[in-house]
Amino acid sequence: CNGVALPYLAFDKDQRVTHTAIVDN
């Protein structure tokens, strides 16, 4: 924000590989 790095914590919403994922050729 305005060039200042902000500390954060990350949480996965989905812990698995989803089916029907869109994958480019």
PDB file of all heavy atoms in Angstrom:
ATOM      1  N   CYS A   1       0.864  -1.182   0.000  1.00  0.00           N
ATOM      2  CA  CYS A   1       0.000   0.000   0.000  1.00  0.00           C
ATOM      3  C   CYS A   1       0.894   1.224   0.000  1.00  0.00           C
ATOM      4  O   CYS A   1       1.681   1.419   0.955  1.00  0.00           O
ATOM      5  CB  CYS A   1      -0.913  -0.018   1.220  1.00  0.00           C
ATOM      6  SG  CYS A   1      -1.963   1.443   1.360  1.00  0.00           S
ATOM      7  N   ASN A   2       0.834   1.997  -1.065  1.00  0.00           N
ATOM      8  CA  ASN A   2       1.691   3.178  -1.224  1.00  0.00           C
ATOM      9  C   ASN A   2       3.168   2.813  -1.117  1.00  0.00           C
ATOM     10  O   ASN A   2       3.965   3.540  -0.514  1.00  0.00           O
ATOM     11  CB  ASN A   2       1.331   4.249  -0.196  1.00  0.00           C
ATOM     12  CG  ASN A   2      -0.085   4.750  -0.359  1.00  0.00           C
ATOM     13  OD1 ASN A   2      -0.608   4.811  -1.485  1.00  0.00           O
ATOM     14  ND2 ASN A   2      -0.726   5.104   0.741  1.00  0.00           N
ATOM     15  N   GLY A   3       3.525   1.648  -1.667  1.00  0.00           N
ATOM     16  CA  GLY A   3       4.906   1.218  -1.680  1.00  0.00           C
ATOM     17  C   GLY A   3       5.381   0.540  -0.416  1.00  0.00           C
ATOM     18  O   GLY A   3       6.538   0.121  -0.333  1.00  0.00           O
ATOM     19  N   VAL A   4       4.508   0.405   0.595  1.00  0.00           N
ATOM     20  CA  VAL A   4       4.878  -0.222   1.865  1.00  0.00           C
ATOM     21  C   VAL A   4       4.347  -1.648   1.872  1.00  0.00           C
ATOM     22  O   VAL A   4       3.145  -1.882   1.639  1.00  0.00           O
ATOM     23  CB  VAL A   4       4.324   0.569   3.059  1.00  0.00           C
ATOM     24  CG1 VAL A   4       4.694  -0.109   4.371  1.00  0.00           C
ATOM     25  CG2 VAL A   4       4.830   2.010   3.022  1.00  0.00           C
ATOM     26  N   ALA A   5       5.232  -2.627   2.140  1.00  0.00           N
ATOM     27  CA  ALA A   5       4.824  -4.025   2.204  1.00  0.00           C
ATOM     28  C   ALA A   5       4.089  -4.290   3.503  1.00  0.00           C
ATOM     29  O   ALA A   5       4.527  -3.865   4.582  1.00  0.00           O
ATOM     30  CB  ALA A   5       6.038  -4.934   2.083  1.00  0.00           C
ATOM     31  N   LEU A   6       2.957  -4.987   3.423  1.00  0.00           N
ATOM     32  CA  LEU A   6       2.121  -5.268   4.588  1.00  0.00           C
ATOM     33  C   LEU A   6       2.267  -6.733   4.986  1.00  0.00           C
ATOM     34  O   LEU A   6       2.164  -7.633   4.136  1.00  0.00           O
ATOM     35  CB  LEU A   6       0.652  -4.975   4.269  1.00  0.00           C
ATOM     36  CG  LEU A   6       0.345  -3.541   3.813  1.00  0.00           C
ATOM     37  CD1 LEU A   6      -1.111  -3.425   3.406  1.00  0.00           C
ATOM     38  CD2 LEU A   6       0.659  -2.555   4.934  1.00  0.00           C
ATOM     39  N   PRO A   7       2.495  -7.043   6.250  1.00  0.00           N
ATOM     40  CA  PRO A   7       2.548  -8.444   6.687  1.00  0.00           C
ATOM     41  C   PRO A   7       1.148  -9.058   6.664  1.00  0.00           C
ATOM     42  O   PRO A   7       0.147  -8.373   6.887  1.00  0.00           O
ATOM     43  CB  PRO A   7       3.110  -8.350   8.103  1.00  0.00           C
ATOM     44  CG  PRO A   7       2.754  -6.982   8.563  1.00  0.00           C
ATOM     45  CD  PRO A   7       2.784  -6.096   7.345  1.00  0.00           C
ATOM     46  N   TYR A   8       1.087 -10.377   6.401  1.00  0.00           N
ATOM     47  CA  TYR A   8      -0.215 -11.049   6.285  1.00  0.00           C
ATOM     48  C   TYR A   8      -0.047 -12.529   6.583  1.00  0.00           C
ATOM     49  O   TYR A   8       1.064 -13.063   6.640  1.00  0.00           O
ATOM     50  CB  TYR A   8      -0.781 -10.869   4.870  1.00  0.00           C
ATOM     51  CG  TYR A   8       0.047 -11.537   3.794  1.00  0.00           C
ATOM     52  CD1 TYR A   8      -0.239 -12.844   3.388  1.00  0.00           C
ATOM     53  CD2 TYR A   8       1.113 -10.875   3.206  1.00  0.00           C
ATOM     54  CE1 TYR A   8       0.529 -13.465   2.423  1.00  0.00           C
ATOM     55  CE2 TYR A   8       1.875 -11.492   2.228  1.00  0.00           C
ATOM     56  CZ  TYR A   8       1.577 -12.784   1.838  1.00  0.00           C
ATOM     57  OH  TYR A   8       2.336 -13.403   0.887  1.00  0.00           O
ATOM     58  N   LEU A   9      -1.169 -13.195   6.777  1.00  0.00           N
ATOM     59  CA  LEU A   9      -1.240 -14.644   6.919  1.00  0.00           C
ATOM     60  C   LEU A   9      -2.114 -15.185   5.799  1.00  0.00           C
ATOM     61  O   LEU A   9      -3.119 -14.566   5.420  1.00  0.00           O
ATOM     62  CB  LEU A   9      -1.829 -15.034   8.278  1.00  0.00           C
ATOM     63  CG  LEU A   9      -1.028 -14.605   9.516  1.00  0.00           C
ATOM     64  CD1 LEU A   9      -1.802 -14.972  10.786  1.00  0.00           C
ATOM     65  CD2 LEU A   9       0.344 -15.261   9.522  1.00  0.00           C
ATOM     66  N   ALA A  10      -1.746 -16.362   5.259  1.00  0.00           N
ATOM     67  CA  ALA A  10      -2.467 -16.956   4.134  1.00  0.00           C
ATOM     68  C   ALA A  10      -3.175 -18.216   4.580  1.00  0.00           C
ATOM     69  O   ALA A  10      -2.619 -19.032   5.330  1.00  0.00           O
ATOM     70  CB  ALA A  10      -1.499 -17.268   2.986  1.00  0.00           C
ATOM     71  N   PHE A  11      -4.433 -18.377   4.147  1.00  0.00           N
ATOM     72  CA  PHE A  11      -5.229 -19.570   4.425  1.00  0.00           C
ATOM     73  C   PHE A  11      -5.804 -20.085   3.116  1.00  0.00           C
ATOM     74  O   PHE A  11      -6.379 -19.321   2.328  1.00  0.00           O
ATOM     75  CB  PHE A  11      -6.366 -19.249   5.401  1.00  0.00           C
ATOM     76  CG  PHE A  11      -5.906 -18.757   6.735  1.00  0.00           C
ATOM     77  CD1 PHE A  11      -5.736 -17.394   6.966  1.00  0.00           C
ATOM     78  CD2 PHE A  11      -5.612 -19.645   7.755  1.00  0.00           C
ATOM     79  CE1 PHE A  11      -5.305 -16.928   8.189  1.00  0.00           C
ATOM     80  CE2 PHE A  11      -5.174 -19.183   8.983  1.00  0.00           C
ATOM     81  CZ  PHE A  11      -5.020 -17.830   9.204  1.00  0.00           C
ATOM     82  N   ASP A  12      -5.662 -21.402   2.895  1.00  0.00           N
ATOM     83  CA  ASP A  12      -6.222 -22.009   1.696  1.00  0.00           C
ATOM     84  C   ASP A  12      -7.720 -22.199   1.888  1.00  0.00           C
ATOM     85  O   ASP A  12      -8.167 -22.779   2.873  1.00  0.00           O
ATOM     86  CB  ASP A  12      -5.580 -23.373   1.412  1.00  0.00           C
ATOM     87  CG  ASP A  12      -4.163 -23.221   0.883  1.00  0.00           C
ATOM     88  OD1 ASP A  12      -3.853 -22.127   0.395  1.00  0.00           O
ATOM     89  OD2 ASP A  12      -3.398 -24.195   0.957  1.00  0.00           O
ATOM     90  N   LYS A  13      -8.498 -21.743   0.912  1.00  0.00           N
ATOM     91  CA  LYS A  13      -9.931 -22.017   0.923  1.00  0.00           C
ATOM     92  C   LYS A  13     -10.226 -23.452   0.517  1.00  0.00           C
ATOM     93  O   LYS A  13     -11.208 -24.043   0.931  1.00  0.00           O
ATOM     94  CB  LYS A  13     -10.663 -21.065  -0.037  1.00  0.00           C
ATOM     95  CG  LYS A  13     -10.678 -19.616   0.384  1.00  0.00           C
ATOM     96  CD  LYS A  13     -11.479 -18.813  -0.617  1.00  0.00           C
ATOM     97  CE  LYS A  13     -11.537 -17.345  -0.237  1.00  0.00           C
ATOM     98  NZ  LYS A  13     -12.308 -16.563  -1.241  1.00  0.00           N
ATOM     99  N   ASP A  14      -9.399 -23.987  -0.340  1.00  0.00           N
ATOM    100  CA  ASP A  14      -9.629 -25.318  -0.884  1.00  0.00           C
ATOM    101  C   ASP A  14      -8.366 -26.132  -0.715  1.00  0.00           C
ATOM    102  O   ASP A  14      -7.315 -25.763  -1.236  1.00  0.00           O
ATOM    103  CB  ASP A  14      -9.995 -25.217  -2.376  1.00  0.00           C
ATOM    104  CG  ASP A  14     -10.680 -26.466  -2.882  1.00  0.00           C
ATOM    105  OD1 ASP A  14     -10.787 -27.419  -2.097  1.00  0.00           O
ATOM    106  OD2 ASP A  14     -11.108 -26.471  -4.039  1.00  0.00           O
ATOM    107  N   GLN A  15      -8.441 -27.243  -0.012  1.00  0.00           N
ATOM    108  CA  GLN A  15      -7.262 -28.033   0.293  1.00  0.00           C
ATOM    109  C   GLN A  15      -7.027 -29.160  -0.706  1.00  0.00           C
ATOM    110  O   GLN A  15      -6.175 -29.992  -0.507  1.00  0.00           O
ATOM    111  CB  GLN A  15      -7.408 -28.631   1.701  1.00  0.00           C
ATOM    112  CG  GLN A  15      -7.528 -27.592   2.792  1.00  0.00           C
ATOM    113  CD  GLN A  15      -6.237 -26.825   3.000  1.00  0.00           C
ATOM    114  OE1 GLN A  15      -5.173 -27.281   2.605  1.00  0.00           O
ATOM    115  NE2 GLN A  15      -6.328 -25.650   3.610  1.00  0.00           N
ATOM    116  N   ARG A  16      -7.805 -29.224  -1.757  1.00  0.00           N
ATOM    117  CA  ARG A  16      -7.633 -30.296  -2.723  1.00  0.00           C
ATOM    118  C   ARG A  16      -7.668 -29.726  -4.135  1.00  0.00           C
ATOM    119  O   ARG A  16      -8.040 -28.579  -4.356  1.00  0.00           O
ATOM    120  CB  ARG A  16      -8.739 -31.344  -2.572  1.00  0.00           C
ATOM    121  CG  ARG A  16     -10.133 -30.807  -2.887  1.00  0.00           C
ATOM    122  CD  ARG A  16     -11.182 -31.886  -2.696  1.00  0.00           C
ATOM    123  NE  ARG A  16     -12.511 -31.375  -2.994  1.00  0.00           N
ATOM    124  CZ  ARG A  16     -13.059 -31.370  -4.197  1.00  0.00           C
ATOM    125  NH1 ARG A  16     -12.371 -31.829  -5.225  1.00  0.00           N
ATOM    126  NH2 ARG A  16     -14.269 -30.904  -4.389  1.00  0.00           N
ATOM    127  N   VAL A  17      -7.288 -30.586  -5.123  1.00  0.00           N
ATOM    128  CA  VAL A  17      -7.342 -30.192  -6.536  1.00  0.00           C
ATOM    129  C   VAL A  17      -8.773 -30.338  -7.021  1.00  0.00           C
ATOM    130  O   VAL A  17      -9.367 -31.410  -6.898  1.00  0.00           O
ATOM    131  CB  VAL A  17      -6.400 -31.080  -7.376  1.00  0.00           C
ATOM    132  CG1 VAL A  17      -6.496 -30.701  -8.838  1.00  0.00           C
ATOM    133  CG2 VAL A  17      -4.973 -30.934  -6.894  1.00  0.00           C
ATOM    134  N   THR A  18      -9.348 -29.287  -7.551  1.00  0.00           N
ATOM    135  CA  THR A  18     -10.741 -29.329  -7.960  1.00  0.00           C
ATOM    136  C   THR A  18     -10.882 -29.982  -9.321  1.00  0.00           C
ATOM    137  O   THR A  18     -10.017 -29.869 -10.193  1.00  0.00           O
ATOM    138  CB  THR A  18     -11.314 -27.901  -8.043  1.00  0.00           C
ATOM    139  OG1 THR A  18     -10.529 -27.145  -8.971  1.00  0.00           O
ATOM    140  CG2 THR A  18     -11.280 -27.240  -6.686  1.00  0.00           C
ATOM    141  N   HIS A  19     -12.003 -30.665  -9.506  1.00  0.00           N
ATOM    142  CA  HIS A  19     -12.320 -31.236 -10.805  1.00  0.00           C
ATOM    143  C   HIS A  19     -12.809 -30.135 -11.743  1.00  0.00           C
ATOM    144  O   HIS A  19     -13.184 -29.054 -11.326  1.00  0.00           O
ATOM    145  CB  HIS A  19     -13.395 -32.313 -10.667  1.00  0.00           C
ATOM    146  CG  HIS A  19     -12.927 -33.523  -9.917  1.00  0.00           C
ATOM    147  ND1 HIS A  19     -12.082 -34.453 -10.473  1.00  0.00           N
ATOM    148  CD2 HIS A  19     -13.182 -33.949  -8.661  1.00  0.00           C
ATOM    149  CE1 HIS A  19     -11.834 -35.403  -9.596  1.00  0.00           C
ATOM    150  NE2 HIS A  19     -12.489 -35.116  -8.474  1.00  0.00           N
ATOM    151  N   THR A  20     -12.826 -30.445 -13.024  1.00  0.00           N
ATOM    152  CA  THR A  20     -13.289 -29.535 -14.093  1.00  0.00           C
ATOM    153  C   THR A  20     -12.542 -28.215 -14.073  1.00  0.00           C
ATOM    154  O   THR A  20     -13.101 -27.174 -14.402  1.00  0.00           O
ATOM    155  CB  THR A  20     -14.805 -29.271 -13.990  1.00  0.00           C
ATOM    156  OG1 THR A  20     -15.087 -28.524 -12.798  1.00  0.00           O
ATOM    157  CG2 THR A  20     -15.582 -30.571 -13.986  1.00  0.00           C
ATOM    158  N   ALA A  21     -11.275 -28.242 -13.656  1.00  0.00           N
ATOM    159  CA  ALA A  21     -10.481 -27.013 -13.693  1.00  0.00           C
ATOM    160  C   ALA A  21     -10.194 -26.630 -15.133  1.00  0.00           C
ATOM    161  O   ALA A  21      -9.956 -27.484 -15.989  1.00  0.00           O
ATOM    162  CB  ALA A  21      -9.179 -27.209 -12.933  1.00  0.00           C
ATOM    163  N   ILE A  22     -10.225 -25.354 -15.448  1.00  0.00           N
ATOM    164  CA  ILE A  22      -9.961 -24.875 -16.806  1.00  0.00           C
ATOM    165  C   ILE A  22      -8.452 -24.818 -17.009  1.00  0.00           C
ATOM    166  O   ILE A  22      -7.736 -24.124 -16.288  1.00  0.00           O
ATOM    167  CB  ILE A  22     -10.588 -23.488 -17.034  1.00  0.00           C
ATOM    168  CG1 ILE A  22     -12.113 -23.577 -16.865  1.00  0.00           C
ATOM    169  CG2 ILE A  22     -10.233 -22.951 -18.398  1.00  0.00           C
ATOM    170  CD1 ILE A  22     -12.806 -22.245 -16.965  1.00  0.00           C
ATOM    171  N   VAL A  23      -7.961 -25.558 -17.990  1.00  0.00           N
ATOM    172  CA  VAL A  23      -6.528 -25.649 -18.268  1.00  0.00           C
ATOM    173  C   VAL A  23      -6.295 -25.267 -19.717  1.00  0.00           C
ATOM    174  O   VAL A  23      -6.918 -25.821 -20.625  1.00  0.00           O
ATOM    175  CB  VAL A  23      -5.985 -27.072 -18.002  1.00  0.00           C
ATOM    176  CG1 VAL A  23      -4.500 -27.140 -18.311  1.00  0.00           C
ATOM    177  CG2 VAL A  23      -6.241 -27.470 -16.552  1.00  0.00           C
ATOM    178  N   ASP A  24      -5.423 -24.306 -19.938  1.00  0.00           N
ATOM    179  CA  ASP A  24      -5.073 -23.904 -21.297  1.00  0.00           C
ATOM    180  C   ASP A  24      -4.373 -25.048 -22.023  1.00  0.00           C
ATOM    181  O   ASP A  24      -3.665 -25.855 -21.425  1.00  0.00           O
ATOM    182  CB  ASP A  24      -4.163 -22.676 -21.246  1.00  0.00           C
ATOM    183  CG  ASP A  24      -3.896 -22.121 -22.632  1.00  0.00           C
ATOM    184  OD1 ASP A  24      -4.731 -21.375 -23.139  1.00  0.00           O
ATOM    185  OD2 ASP A  24      -2.852 -22.463 -23.202  1.00  0.00           O
ATOM    186  N   ASN A  25      -4.563 -25.125 -23.336  1.00  0.00           N
ATOM    187  CA  ASN A  25      -4.001 -26.218 -24.133  1.00  0.00           C
ATOM    188  C   ASN A  25      -2.488 -26.301 -23.995  1.00  0.00           C
ATOM    189  O   ASN A  25      -1.915 -27.390 -23.921  1.00  0.00           O
ATOM    190  CB  ASN A  25      -4.395 -26.035 -25.609  1.00  0.00           C
ATOM    191  CG  ASN A  25      -3.798 -27.109 -26.490  1.00  0.00           C
ATOM    192  OD1 ASN A  25      -3.878 -28.287 -26.176  1.00  0.00           O
ATOM    193  ND2 ASN A  25      -3.188 -26.697 -27.584  1.00  0.00           N
TER     194      ASN A  25
END
